[in-house]
């Protein structure tokens, strides 16, 4: 806050220059009138001081509170203004820009009896410089103390979870409470923001473990739900395969093919699985596609009703040579 006491003298170059010109002119005129030079010089210096003291100024964002013989005479500025030396004085120069005030509350208990330290910041502005100068002695200190009191009261009305999750709402409530108190001081609160909520280290560790346990519980629930859905789908698939054996055979063939393709190695198929794949029909399809060789007319293929052993003996090298694509 930019506040200036009556002892503060803000002499500008214009005030000093005008005083110097006026004092020099008076001293010269008195000397030409026949008055001794020392007396003329003293009169010139006196006029210089009076002229320099009668011209004051404030910056663009300031208002000067003018008192005449201790009584309020109004606001002056921004820019240059004249005062009556000795009679008038500038009591305060009030800054009317937006200001920031940091404040906090330490070791305050929330509604659920948790000790916390809260840091906040308030943005406020002096709208009525006259009230700010006449109604309160030190409005800057009043803003800080009022904000701390309002913050402590708000902490006691909220739980810890609300303080952490609803900082914007808490700041808005503090703004409303401060505006009601500072309305008669000519001060307007722009906003209040909660910067940080600090809790004890032991409680923070316990909350971290609780959150971790909650996430693990949710993960287990999701996994169990997925397993249940998968089980229902398997039951539906089993019903479909039970009513359609051909679909089951095709699915078994596809599983066998995918296993050989991905691994690229030899796979030993159990006899039961081979029976489920309907091996004689499969060999007949292979023979029709030219994969099963015939050794002349003396041997008969399985498709023509001949001996199966001879067919399998000749088909095995063909399957090995054809690889997974044959299946």
C-alpha atoms as a PDB file:
ATOM      1  CA  UNK A   1       0.000   0.000   0.000  1.00  0.00           C
ATOM      2  CA  UNK A   2       1.252   3.450  -0.926  1.00  0.00           C
ATOM      3  CA  UNK A   3       0.380   5.669   2.013  1.00  0.00           C
ATOM      4  CA  UNK A   4       2.183   8.913   2.752  1.00  0.00           C
ATOM      5  CA  UNK A   5       2.218  10.634   6.113  1.00  0.00           C
ATOM      6  CA  UNK A   6       2.126  14.457   6.482  1.00  0.00           C
ATOM      7  CA  UNK A   7       5.918  14.429   6.778  1.00  0.00           C
ATOM      8  CA  UNK A   8       6.231  13.104   3.250  1.00  0.00           C
ATOM      9  CA  UNK A   9       7.157  15.864   0.790  1.00  0.00           C
ATOM     10  CA  UNK A  10       6.720  15.113  -2.869  1.00  0.00           C
ATOM     11  CA  UNK A  11       8.321  18.040  -4.623  1.00  0.00           C
ATOM     12  CA  UNK A  12       8.372  17.789  -8.367  1.00  0.00           C
ATOM     13  CA  UNK A  13      10.718  19.563 -10.745  1.00  0.00           C
ATOM     14  CA  UNK A  14       7.925  21.944 -11.755  1.00  0.00           C
ATOM     15  CA  UNK A  15       7.325  23.005  -8.133  1.00  0.00           C
ATOM     16  CA  UNK A  16      11.018  23.579  -7.481  1.00  0.00           C
ATOM     17  CA  UNK A  17      11.465  25.461 -10.751  1.00  0.00           C
ATOM     18  CA  UNK A  18       8.461  27.738 -10.169  1.00  0.00           C
ATOM     19  CA  UNK A  19       9.633  28.446  -6.618  1.00  0.00           C
ATOM     20  CA  UNK A  20      13.128  29.237  -7.805  1.00  0.00           C
ATOM     21  CA  UNK A  21      11.882  31.599 -10.504  1.00  0.00           C
ATOM     22  CA  UNK A  22       9.483  33.356  -8.149  1.00  0.00           C
ATOM     23  CA  UNK A  23      12.065  33.687  -5.352  1.00  0.00           C
ATOM     24  CA  UNK A  24      14.719  35.019  -7.705  1.00  0.00           C
ATOM     25  CA  UNK A  25      12.306  37.540  -9.181  1.00  0.00           C
ATOM     26  CA  UNK A  26      11.254  38.787  -5.753  1.00  0.00           C
ATOM     27  CA  UNK A  27      14.854  39.075  -4.564  1.00  0.00           C
ATOM     28  CA  UNK A  28      15.827  41.001  -7.709  1.00  0.00           C
ATOM     29  CA  UNK A  29      12.885  43.372  -7.433  1.00  0.00           C
ATOM     30  CA  UNK A  30      13.621  44.128  -3.792  1.00  0.00           C
ATOM     31  CA  UNK A  31      17.286  44.698  -4.540  1.00  0.00           C
ATOM     32  CA  UNK A  32      16.439  47.123  -7.340  1.00  0.00           C
ATOM     33  CA  UNK A  33      14.043  48.895  -5.008  1.00  0.00           C
ATOM     34  CA  UNK A  34      16.967  49.750  -2.727  1.00  0.00           C
ATOM     35  CA  UNK A  35      16.606  47.017  -0.120  1.00  0.00           C
ATOM     36  CA  UNK A  36      19.832  45.509   1.056  1.00  0.00           C
ATOM     37  CA  UNK A  37      20.905  42.328  -0.704  1.00  0.00           C
ATOM     38  CA  UNK A  38      20.804  40.060   2.403  1.00  0.00           C
ATOM     39  CA  UNK A  39      17.206  41.007   3.160  1.00  0.00           C
ATOM     40  CA  UNK A  40      16.234  40.646  -0.493  1.00  0.00           C
ATOM     41  CA  UNK A  41      17.861  37.213  -0.617  1.00  0.00           C
ATOM     42  CA  UNK A  42      16.006  36.057   2.512  1.00  0.00           C
ATOM     43  CA  UNK A  43      12.699  37.229   1.067  1.00  0.00           C
ATOM     44  CA  UNK A  44      13.446  35.417  -2.199  1.00  0.00           C
ATOM     45  CA  UNK A  45      14.260  32.154  -0.407  1.00  0.00           C
ATOM     46  CA  UNK A  46      11.066  32.419   1.632  1.00  0.00           C
ATOM     47  CA  UNK A  47       8.985  32.884  -1.487  1.00  0.00           C
ATOM     48  CA  UNK A  48      10.765  29.971  -3.137  1.00  0.00           C
ATOM     49  CA  UNK A  49       9.879  27.664  -0.241  1.00  0.00           C
ATOM     50  CA  UNK A  50       6.246  28.771  -0.192  1.00  0.00           C
ATOM     51  CA  UNK A  51       5.777  28.323  -3.938  1.00  0.00           C
ATOM     52  CA  UNK A  52       7.476  24.929  -3.937  1.00  0.00           C
ATOM     53  CA  UNK A  53       5.284  23.778  -1.038  1.00  0.00           C
ATOM     54  CA  UNK A  54       2.069  25.007  -2.639  1.00  0.00           C
ATOM     55  CA  UNK A  55       2.344  22.765  -5.692  1.00  0.00           C
ATOM     56  CA  UNK A  56       1.746  19.031  -5.169  1.00  0.00           C
ATOM     57  CA  UNK A  57       1.079  16.138  -7.500  1.00  0.00           C
ATOM     58  CA  UNK A  58      -0.139  12.556  -7.507  1.00  0.00           C
ATOM     59  CA  UNK A  59       0.337   9.768 -10.011  1.00  0.00           C
ATOM     60  CA  UNK A  60      -2.390   8.547 -12.342  1.00  0.00           C
ATOM     61  CA  UNK A  61      -3.496   5.744  -9.994  1.00  0.00           C
ATOM     62  CA  UNK A  62      -3.456   7.826  -6.783  1.00  0.00           C
ATOM     63  CA  UNK A  63      -5.794  10.110  -4.876  1.00  0.00           C
ATOM     64  CA  UNK A  64      -4.535  12.657  -2.324  1.00  0.00           C
ATOM     65  CA  UNK A  65      -6.554  13.253   0.853  1.00  0.00           C
ATOM     66  CA  UNK A  66      -6.369  16.981   1.608  1.00  0.00           C
ATOM     67  CA  UNK A  67      -6.886  18.351   5.133  1.00  0.00           C
ATOM     68  CA  UNK A  68      -7.162  22.036   5.992  1.00  0.00           C
ATOM     69  CA  UNK A  69      -6.432  22.801   9.622  1.00  0.00           C
ATOM     70  CA  UNK A  70      -7.197  19.158  10.400  1.00  0.00           C
ATOM     71  CA  UNK A  71     -10.539  19.045   8.593  1.00  0.00           C
ATOM     72  CA  UNK A  72     -11.251  17.058   5.476  1.00  0.00           C
ATOM     73  CA  UNK A  73     -11.321  19.235   2.354  1.00  0.00           C
ATOM     74  CA  UNK A  74     -11.615  16.606  -0.362  1.00  0.00           C
ATOM     75  CA  UNK A  75      -9.587  14.512  -2.737  1.00  0.00           C
ATOM     76  CA  UNK A  76      -7.011  15.852  -5.167  1.00  0.00           C
ATOM     77  CA  UNK A  77      -5.369  14.373  -8.227  1.00  0.00           C
ATOM     78  CA  UNK A  78      -4.266  12.727 -10.310  1.00  0.00           C
ATOM     79  CA  UNK A  79      -1.752  15.245 -11.605  1.00  0.00           C
ATOM     80  CA  UNK A  80      -0.760  18.644 -10.197  1.00  0.00           C
ATOM     81  CA  UNK A  81      -2.853  20.593  -7.690  1.00  0.00           C
ATOM     82  CA  UNK A  82      -2.301  23.594  -5.443  1.00  0.00           C
ATOM     83  CA  UNK A  83      -2.494  23.779  -1.668  1.00  0.00           C
ATOM     84  CA  UNK A  84      -2.183  26.588   0.842  1.00  0.00           C
ATOM     85  CA  UNK A  85       1.173  26.173   2.607  1.00  0.00           C
ATOM     86  CA  UNK A  86       1.095  25.671   6.382  1.00  0.00           C
ATOM     87  CA  UNK A  87      -2.723  25.572   6.395  1.00  0.00           C
ATOM     88  CA  UNK A  88      -3.269  22.638   4.039  1.00  0.00           C
ATOM     89  CA  UNK A  89      -1.558  19.289   4.134  1.00  0.00           C
ATOM     90  CA  UNK A  90      -1.833  16.040   2.264  1.00  0.00           C
ATOM     91  CA  UNK A  91      -2.658  13.475   4.916  1.00  0.00           C
ATOM     92  CA  UNK A  92      -2.575  10.337   2.741  1.00  0.00           C
ATOM     93  CA  UNK A  93      -2.008   9.359  -0.851  1.00  0.00           C
ATOM     94  CA  UNK A  94      -4.200   6.343  -1.592  1.00  0.00           C
ATOM     95  CA  UNK A  95      -3.335   3.848  -4.302  1.00  0.00           C
ATOM     96  CA  UNK A  96      -6.427   2.843  -6.282  1.00  0.00           C
ATOM     97  CA  UNK A  97      -4.933  -0.025  -8.255  1.00  0.00           C
ATOM     98  CA  UNK A  98      -5.879  -3.655  -7.702  1.00  0.00           C
ATOM     99  CA  UNK A  99      -3.857  -5.056  -4.812  1.00  0.00           C
ATOM    100  CA  UNK A 100      -2.986  -8.556  -3.696  1.00  0.00           C
ATOM    101  CA  UNK A 101      -2.910  -9.613  -0.070  1.00  0.00           C
ATOM    102  CA  UNK A 102      -1.637 -13.036   0.945  1.00  0.00           C
ATOM    103  CA  UNK A 103      -3.043 -14.489   4.141  1.00  0.00           C
ATOM    104  CA  UNK A 104      -3.407 -17.874   5.778  1.00  0.00           C
ATOM    105  CA  UNK A 105      -4.756 -19.888   8.672  1.00  0.00           C
ATOM    106  CA  UNK A 106      -2.549 -22.316  10.566  1.00  0.00           C
ATOM    107  CA  UNK A 107      -3.615 -25.372  12.572  1.00  0.00           C
ATOM    108  CA  UNK A 108      -7.334 -24.829  12.035  1.00  0.00           C
ATOM    109  CA  UNK A 109      -9.770 -27.691  12.611  1.00  0.00           C
ATOM    110  CA  UNK A 110     -12.191 -28.621   9.886  1.00  0.00           C
ATOM    111  CA  UNK A 111     -15.732 -29.774  10.585  1.00  0.00           C
ATOM    112  CA  UNK A 112     -14.469 -33.370  10.761  1.00  0.00           C
ATOM    113  CA  UNK A 113     -11.721 -32.288  13.252  1.00  0.00           C
ATOM    114  CA  UNK A 114      -8.730 -32.460  10.904  1.00  0.00           C
ATOM    115  CA  UNK A 115      -5.971 -29.884  11.513  1.00  0.00           C
ATOM    116  CA  UNK A 116      -5.033 -28.066   8.294  1.00  0.00           C
ATOM    117  CA  UNK A 117      -2.971 -25.092   7.151  1.00  0.00           C
ATOM    118  CA  UNK A 118      -4.599 -23.054   4.395  1.00  0.00           C
ATOM    119  CA  UNK A 119      -2.938 -20.360   2.277  1.00  0.00           C
ATOM    120  CA  UNK A 120      -5.036 -17.915   0.266  1.00  0.00           C
ATOM    121  CA  UNK A 121      -4.729 -14.667  -1.636  1.00  0.00           C
ATOM    122  CA  UNK A 122      -7.223 -11.805  -1.974  1.00  0.00           C
ATOM    123  CA  UNK A 123      -7.511  -9.322  -4.833  1.00  0.00           C
ATOM    124  CA  UNK A 124      -9.109  -6.045  -3.764  1.00  0.00           C
ATOM    125  CA  UNK A 125      -9.291  -2.383  -4.726  1.00  0.00           C
ATOM    126  CA  UNK A 126     -10.093   0.915  -3.000  1.00  0.00           C
ATOM    127  CA  UNK A 127     -13.210   2.197  -4.763  1.00  0.00           C
ATOM    128  CA  UNK A 128     -14.027   5.068  -2.394  1.00  0.00           C
ATOM    129  CA  UNK A 129     -10.834   6.786  -1.255  1.00  0.00           C
ATOM    130  CA  UNK A 130     -12.770   9.149   1.032  1.00  0.00           C
ATOM    131  CA  UNK A 131     -14.277   6.323   3.083  1.00  0.00           C
ATOM    132  CA  UNK A 132     -11.008   4.414   3.140  1.00  0.00           C
ATOM    133  CA  UNK A 133      -9.274   7.491   4.593  1.00  0.00           C
ATOM    134  CA  UNK A 134     -11.953   8.539   7.096  1.00  0.00           C
ATOM    135  CA  UNK A 135     -13.690   5.310   8.206  1.00  0.00           C
ATOM    136  CA  UNK A 136     -10.739   3.034   9.030  1.00  0.00           C
ATOM    137  CA  UNK A 137      -7.334   3.824  10.477  1.00  0.00           C
ATOM    138  CA  UNK A 138      -5.245   1.292   8.525  1.00  0.00           C
ATOM    139  CA  UNK A 139      -7.368  -0.364   5.890  1.00  0.00           C
ATOM    140  CA  UNK A 140      -4.516  -2.530   4.641  1.00  0.00           C
ATOM    141  CA  UNK A 141      -4.129  -4.196   8.052  1.00  0.00           C
ATOM    142  CA  UNK A 142      -7.919  -4.377   8.390  1.00  0.00           C
ATOM    143  CA  UNK A 143      -8.165  -6.304   5.113  1.00  0.00           C
ATOM    144  CA  UNK A 144      -5.561  -8.849   6.239  1.00  0.00           C
ATOM    145  CA  UNK A 145      -7.115  -9.466   9.660  1.00  0.00           C
ATOM    146  CA  UNK A 146     -10.633  -9.671   8.259  1.00  0.00           C
ATOM    147  CA  UNK A 147      -9.542 -12.156   5.604  1.00  0.00           C
ATOM    148  CA  UNK A 148      -7.819 -14.379   8.172  1.00  0.00           C
ATOM    149  CA  UNK A 149     -10.882 -14.365  10.422  1.00  0.00           C
ATOM    150  CA  UNK A 150     -13.216 -15.198   7.546  1.00  0.00           C
ATOM    151  CA  UNK A 151     -10.912 -18.005   6.392  1.00  0.00           C
ATOM    152  CA  UNK A 152     -10.815 -19.614   9.844  1.00  0.00           C
ATOM    153  CA  UNK A 153     -14.586 -19.439  10.087  1.00  0.00           C
ATOM    154  CA  UNK A 154     -14.987 -21.035   6.641  1.00  0.00           C
ATOM    155  CA  UNK A 155     -12.574 -23.864   7.470  1.00  0.00           C
ATOM    156  CA  UNK A 156     -14.596 -24.790  10.543  1.00  0.00           C
ATOM    157  CA  UNK A 157     -17.762 -25.107   8.435  1.00  0.00           C
ATOM    158  CA  UNK A 158     -16.335 -27.485   5.801  1.00  0.00           C
ATOM    159  CA  UNK A 159     -14.982 -31.019   5.797  1.00  0.00           C
ATOM    160  CA  UNK A 160     -11.475 -31.802   4.617  1.00  0.00           C
ATOM    161  CA  UNK A 161     -12.750 -33.296   1.356  1.00  0.00           C
ATOM    162  CA  UNK A 162     -14.729 -30.128   0.629  1.00  0.00           C
ATOM    163  CA  UNK A 163     -11.674 -27.949   1.262  1.00  0.00           C
ATOM    164  CA  UNK A 164      -9.598 -29.967  -1.189  1.00  0.00           C
ATOM    165  CA  UNK A 165     -12.203 -30.475  -3.909  1.00  0.00           C
ATOM    166  CA  UNK A 166     -14.222 -27.214  -3.693  1.00  0.00           C
ATOM    167  CA  UNK A 167     -11.573 -24.500  -3.571  1.00  0.00           C
ATOM    168  CA  UNK A 168     -13.426 -22.274  -6.026  1.00  0.00           C
ATOM    169  CA  UNK A 169     -16.646 -22.386  -4.007  1.00  0.00           C
ATOM    170  CA  UNK A 170     -14.734 -21.724  -0.784  1.00  0.00           C
ATOM    171  CA  UNK A 171     -13.005 -18.718  -2.344  1.00  0.00           C
ATOM    172  CA  UNK A 172     -16.344 -17.336  -3.540  1.00  0.00           C
ATOM    173  CA  UNK A 173     -17.794 -17.672  -0.052  1.00  0.00           C
ATOM    174  CA  UNK A 174     -14.812 -15.799   1.415  1.00  0.00           C
ATOM    175  CA  UNK A 175     -15.266 -13.046  -1.182  1.00  0.00           C
ATOM    176  CA  UNK A 176     -18.909 -12.543  -0.213  1.00  0.00           C
ATOM    177  CA  UNK A 177     -18.075 -12.489   3.510  1.00  0.00           C
ATOM    178  CA  UNK A 178     -15.292  -9.925   3.040  1.00  0.00           C
ATOM    179  CA  UNK A 179     -17.424  -7.686   0.828  1.00  0.00           C
ATOM    180  CA  UNK A 180     -20.133  -7.490   3.474  1.00  0.00           C
ATOM    181  CA  UNK A 181     -17.592  -6.426   6.081  1.00  0.00           C
ATOM    182  CA  UNK A 182     -15.622  -3.961   3.923  1.00  0.00           C
ATOM    183  CA  UNK A 183     -18.528  -2.305   2.178  1.00  0.00           C
ATOM    184  CA  UNK A 184     -18.482   0.651   4.604  1.00  0.00           C
ATOM    185  CA  UNK A 185     -14.722   1.050   4.174  1.00  0.00           C
ATOM    186  CA  UNK A 186     -14.909   1.890   0.480  1.00  0.00           C
ATOM    187  CA  UNK A 187     -13.085  -1.334  -0.418  1.00  0.00           C
ATOM    188  CA  UNK A 188     -14.254  -3.806  -3.043  1.00  0.00           C
ATOM    189  CA  UNK A 189     -13.007  -7.395  -3.071  1.00  0.00           C
ATOM    190  CA  UNK A 190     -12.386  -8.665  -6.606  1.00  0.00           C
ATOM    191  CA  UNK A 191     -11.779 -12.329  -5.785  1.00  0.00           C
ATOM    192  CA  UNK A 192     -10.309 -14.705  -3.217  1.00  0.00           C
ATOM    193  CA  UNK A 193      -8.335 -17.761  -4.288  1.00  0.00           C
ATOM    194  CA  UNK A 194      -7.259 -20.740  -2.164  1.00  0.00           C
ATOM    195  CA  UNK A 195      -3.647 -21.498  -3.042  1.00  0.00           C
ATOM    196  CA  UNK A 196      -2.857 -24.540  -0.912  1.00  0.00           C
ATOM    197  CA  UNK A 197      -4.366 -26.836   1.709  1.00  0.00           C
ATOM    198  CA  UNK A 198      -1.682 -28.546   3.808  1.00  0.00           C
ATOM    199  CA  UNK A 199      -2.567 -31.542   5.970  1.00  0.00           C
ATOM    200  CA  UNK A 200      -0.356 -33.499   8.418  1.00  0.00           C
ATOM    201  CA  UNK A 201       2.085 -35.954   6.867  1.00  0.00           C
ATOM    202  CA  UNK A 202       0.651 -38.969   8.734  1.00  0.00           C
ATOM    203  CA  UNK A 203      -2.867 -38.187   7.555  1.00  0.00           C
ATOM    204  CA  UNK A 204      -1.635 -37.655   4.006  1.00  0.00           C
ATOM    205  CA  UNK A 205       0.002 -41.094   4.037  1.00  0.00           C
ATOM    206  CA  UNK A 206      -3.175 -42.714   5.381  1.00  0.00           C
ATOM    207  CA  UNK A 207      -5.271 -41.030   2.680  1.00  0.00           C
ATOM    208  CA  UNK A 208      -2.825 -42.251   0.046  1.00  0.00           C
ATOM    209  CA  UNK A 209      -3.144 -45.848   1.262  1.00  0.00           C
ATOM    210  CA  UNK A 210      -6.920 -45.541   1.337  1.00  0.00           C
ATOM    211  CA  UNK A 211      -7.006 -44.268  -2.238  1.00  0.00           C
ATOM    212  CA  UNK A 212      -4.713 -47.087  -3.352  1.00  0.00           C
ATOM    213  CA  UNK A 213      -6.914 -49.693  -1.677  1.00  0.00           C
ATOM    214  CA  UNK A 214     -10.009 -48.184  -3.278  1.00  0.00           C
ATOM    215  CA  UNK A 215      -8.444 -48.339  -6.741  1.00  0.00           C
ATOM    216  CA  UNK A 216      -7.396 -51.976  -6.177  1.00  0.00           C
ATOM    217  CA  UNK A 217     -10.952 -52.836  -5.107  1.00  0.00           C
ATOM    218  CA  UNK A 218     -12.359 -51.246  -8.255  1.00  0.00           C
ATOM    219  CA  UNK A 219      -9.829 -53.117 -10.388  1.00  0.00           C
ATOM    220  CA  UNK A 220     -10.865 -56.434  -8.842  1.00  0.00           C
ATOM    221  CA  UNK A 221     -14.541 -55.639  -9.391  1.00  0.00           C
ATOM    222  CA  UNK A 222     -13.900 -54.817 -13.051  1.00  0.00           C
ATOM    223  CA  UNK A 223     -11.887 -58.023 -13.499  1.00  0.00           C
ATOM    224  CA  UNK A 224     -14.636 -60.110 -11.895  1.00  0.00           C
ATOM    225  CA  UNK A 225     -17.265 -58.482 -14.103  1.00  0.00           C
ATOM    226  CA  UNK A 226     -15.185 -59.254 -17.173  1.00  0.00           C
ATOM    227  CA  UNK A 227     -14.780 -62.897 -16.112  1.00  0.00           C
ATOM    228  CA  UNK A 228     -18.542 -63.194 -15.621  1.00  0.00           C
ATOM    229  CA  UNK A 229     -19.260 -61.784 -19.075  1.00  0.00           C
ATOM    230  CA  UNK A 230     -16.677 -64.102 -20.639  1.00  0.00           C
ATOM    231  CA  UNK A 231     -18.240 -67.107 -18.892  1.00  0.00           C
ATOM    232  CA  UNK A 232     -21.673 -66.179 -20.251  1.00  0.00           C
ATOM    233  CA  UNK A 233     -20.252 -65.905 -23.759  1.00  0.00           C
ATOM    234  CA  UNK A 234     -18.594 -69.315 -23.424  1.00  0.00           C
ATOM    235  CA  UNK A 235     -21.929 -70.816 -22.363  1.00  0.00           C
ATOM    236  CA  UNK A 236     -23.606 -69.308 -25.425  1.00  0.00           C
ATOM    237  CA  UNK A 237     -20.822 -70.645 -27.664  1.00  0.00           C
ATOM    238  CA  UNK A 238     -21.141 -74.113 -26.107  1.00  0.00           C
ATOM    239  CA  UNK A 239     -24.872 -74.152 -26.829  1.00  0.00           C
ATOM    240  CA  UNK A 240     -24.193 -73.212 -30.455  1.00  0.00           C
ATOM    241  CA  UNK A 241     -21.518 -75.919 -30.878  1.00  0.00           C
ATOM    242  CA  UNK A 242     -23.775 -78.536 -29.246  1.00  0.00           C
ATOM    243  CA  UNK A 243     -26.512 -77.950 -31.793  1.00  0.00           C
ATOM    244  CA  UNK A 244     -24.072 -77.740 -34.737  1.00  0.00           C
ATOM    245  CA  UNK A 245     -21.282 -80.399 -34.618  1.00  0.00           C
ATOM    246  CA  UNK A 246     -19.935 -79.211 -37.961  1.00  0.00           C
ATOM    247  CA  UNK A 247     -19.216 -75.818 -36.441  1.00  0.00           C
ATOM    248  CA  UNK A 248     -17.298 -77.530 -33.646  1.00  0.00           C
ATOM    249  CA  UNK A 249     -15.174 -79.413 -36.202  1.00  0.00           C
ATOM    250  CA  UNK A 250     -14.442 -76.215 -38.125  1.00  0.00           C
ATOM    251  CA  UNK A 251     -13.487 -74.446 -34.916  1.00  0.00           C
ATOM    252  CA  UNK A 252     -11.103 -77.280 -33.966  1.00  0.00           C
ATOM    253  CA  UNK A 253      -9.488 -77.172 -37.400  1.00  0.00           C
ATOM    254  CA  UNK A 254      -9.063 -73.411 -37.143  1.00  0.00           C
ATOM    255  CA  UNK A 255      -7.457 -73.688 -33.696  1.00  0.00           C
ATOM    256  CA  UNK A 256      -5.041 -76.309 -35.017  1.00  0.00           C
ATOM    257  CA  UNK A 257      -4.165 -74.154 -38.004  1.00  0.00           C
ATOM    258  CA  UNK A 258      -3.584 -71.033 -35.895  1.00  0.00           C
ATOM    259  CA  UNK A 259      -1.331 -72.947 -33.510  1.00  0.00           C
ATOM    260  CA  UNK A 260       0.852 -74.266 -36.341  1.00  0.00           C
ATOM    261  CA  UNK A 261       1.048 -70.871 -38.096  1.00  0.00           C
ATOM    262  CA  UNK A 262       2.059 -68.911 -34.994  1.00  0.00           C
ATOM    263  CA  UNK A 263       4.633 -71.389 -33.730  1.00  0.00           C
ATOM    264  CA  UNK A 264       5.902 -72.655 -37.070  1.00  0.00           C
ATOM    265  CA  UNK A 265       6.764 -76.071 -35.645  1.00  0.00           C
ATOM    266  CA  UNK A 266       5.580 -79.669 -35.735  1.00  0.00           C
ATOM    267  CA  UNK A 267       2.506 -80.509 -33.663  1.00  0.00           C
ATOM    268  CA  UNK A 268       1.470 -84.000 -32.533  1.00  0.00           C
ATOM    269  CA  UNK A 269      -2.304 -84.327 -32.711  1.00  0.00           C
ATOM    270  CA  UNK A 270      -3.964 -86.852 -30.341  1.00  0.00           C
ATOM    271  CA  UNK A 271      -6.069 -89.574 -31.912  1.00  0.00           C
ATOM    272  CA  UNK A 272      -9.269 -88.310 -30.333  1.00  0.00           C
ATOM    273  CA  UNK A 273      -8.710 -84.829 -31.808  1.00  0.00           C
ATOM    274  CA  UNK A 274      -7.965 -86.409 -35.177  1.00  0.00           C
ATOM    275  CA  UNK A 275     -11.228 -88.351 -34.936  1.00  0.00           C
ATOM    276  CA  UNK A 276     -13.077 -85.137 -34.078  1.00  0.00           C
ATOM    277  CA  UNK A 277     -11.562 -83.522 -37.160  1.00  0.00           C
ATOM    278  CA  UNK A 278     -13.076 -86.345 -39.290  1.00  0.00           C
ATOM    279  CA  UNK A 279      -9.704 -87.411 -40.734  1.00  0.00           C
ATOM    280  CA  UNK A 280     -11.026 -89.684 -43.557  1.00  0.00           C
ATOM    281  CA  UNK A 281     -13.079 -86.853 -45.027  1.00  0.00           C
ATOM    282  CA  UNK A 282     -10.132 -84.478 -44.647  1.00  0.00           C
ATOM    283  CA  UNK A 283      -7.877 -86.892 -46.537  1.00  0.00           C
ATOM    284  CA  UNK A 284     -10.507 -87.200 -49.239  1.00  0.00           C
ATOM    285  CA  UNK A 285     -10.484 -83.434 -49.676  1.00  0.00           C
ATOM    286  CA  UNK A 286      -6.677 -83.489 -49.836  1.00  0.00           C
ATOM    287  CA  UNK A 287      -6.743 -86.199 -52.461  1.00  0.00           C
ATOM    288  CA  UNK A 288      -9.193 -84.247 -54.553  1.00  0.00           C
ATOM    289  CA  UNK A 289      -6.912 -81.221 -54.433  1.00  0.00           C
ATOM    290  CA  UNK A 290      -3.892 -83.293 -55.552  1.00  0.00           C
ATOM    291  CA  UNK A 291      -2.130 -83.440 -52.175  1.00  0.00           C
ATOM    292  CA  UNK A 292      -2.497 -87.252 -51.786  1.00  0.00           C
ATOM    293  CA  UNK A 293      -0.287 -89.066 -54.365  1.00  0.00           C
ATOM    294  CA  UNK A 294      -1.239 -92.432 -55.983  1.00  0.00           C
ATOM    295  CA  UNK A 295       1.417 -95.120 -56.714  1.00  0.00           C
ATOM    296  CA  UNK A 296      -0.063 -96.515 -59.914  1.00  0.00           C
ATOM    297  CA  UNK A 297      -3.100 -98.647 -60.359  1.00  0.00           C
ATOM    298  CA  UNK A 298      -2.023-101.361 -57.956  1.00  0.00           C
ATOM    299  CA  UNK A 299      -2.891 -99.366 -54.827  1.00  0.00           C
ATOM    300  CA  UNK A 300      -6.313 -97.972 -54.076  1.00  0.00           C
ATOM    301  CA  UNK A 301      -7.027 -94.642 -52.321  1.00  0.00           C
ATOM    302  CA  UNK A 302      -9.120 -94.335 -49.189  1.00  0.00           C
ATOM    303  CA  UNK A 303     -11.760 -92.399 -51.093  1.00  0.00           C
ATOM    304  CA  UNK A 304     -12.263 -95.455 -53.423  1.00  0.00           C
ATOM    305  CA  UNK A 305     -12.737 -97.844 -50.503  1.00  0.00           C
ATOM    306  CA  UNK A 306      -9.226 -99.277 -50.454  1.00  0.00           C
ATOM    307  CA  UNK A 307      -6.928 -99.947 -47.525  1.00  0.00           C
ATOM    308  CA  UNK A 308      -6.571 -96.851 -45.216  1.00  0.00           C
ATOM    309  CA  UNK A 309      -3.093 -97.812 -44.070  1.00  0.00           C
ATOM    310  CA  UNK A 310      -1.633 -97.357 -47.521  1.00  0.00           C
ATOM    311  CA  UNK A 311      -3.318 -94.028 -47.932  1.00  0.00           C
ATOM    312  CA  UNK A 312      -2.052 -92.697 -44.635  1.00  0.00           C
ATOM    313  CA  UNK A 313       1.416 -93.943 -45.404  1.00  0.00           C
ATOM    314  CA  UNK A 314       1.477 -91.907 -48.619  1.00  0.00           C
ATOM    315  CA  UNK A 315      -0.432 -88.901 -47.254  1.00  0.00           C
ATOM    316  CA  UNK A 316       1.897 -88.194 -44.314  1.00  0.00           C
ATOM    317  CA  UNK A 317       4.811 -86.957 -46.492  1.00  0.00           C
ATOM    318  CA  UNK A 318       2.397 -84.804 -48.484  1.00  0.00           C
ATOM    319  CA  UNK A 319       1.054 -83.143 -45.356  1.00  0.00           C
ATOM    320  CA  UNK A 320       4.567 -82.542 -44.065  1.00  0.00           C
ATOM    321  CA  UNK A 321       5.604 -81.020 -47.412  1.00  0.00           C
ATOM    322  CA  UNK A 322       2.517 -78.848 -47.748  1.00  0.00           C
ATOM    323  CA  UNK A 323       2.924 -77.317 -44.278  1.00  0.00           C
ATOM    324  CA  UNK A 324       0.259 -75.346 -42.427  1.00  0.00           C
ATOM    325  CA  UNK A 325      -1.356 -74.007 -45.576  1.00  0.00           C
ATOM    326  CA  UNK A 326      -2.622 -77.460 -46.443  1.00  0.00           C
ATOM    327  CA  UNK A 327      -4.834 -77.361 -43.384  1.00  0.00           C
END
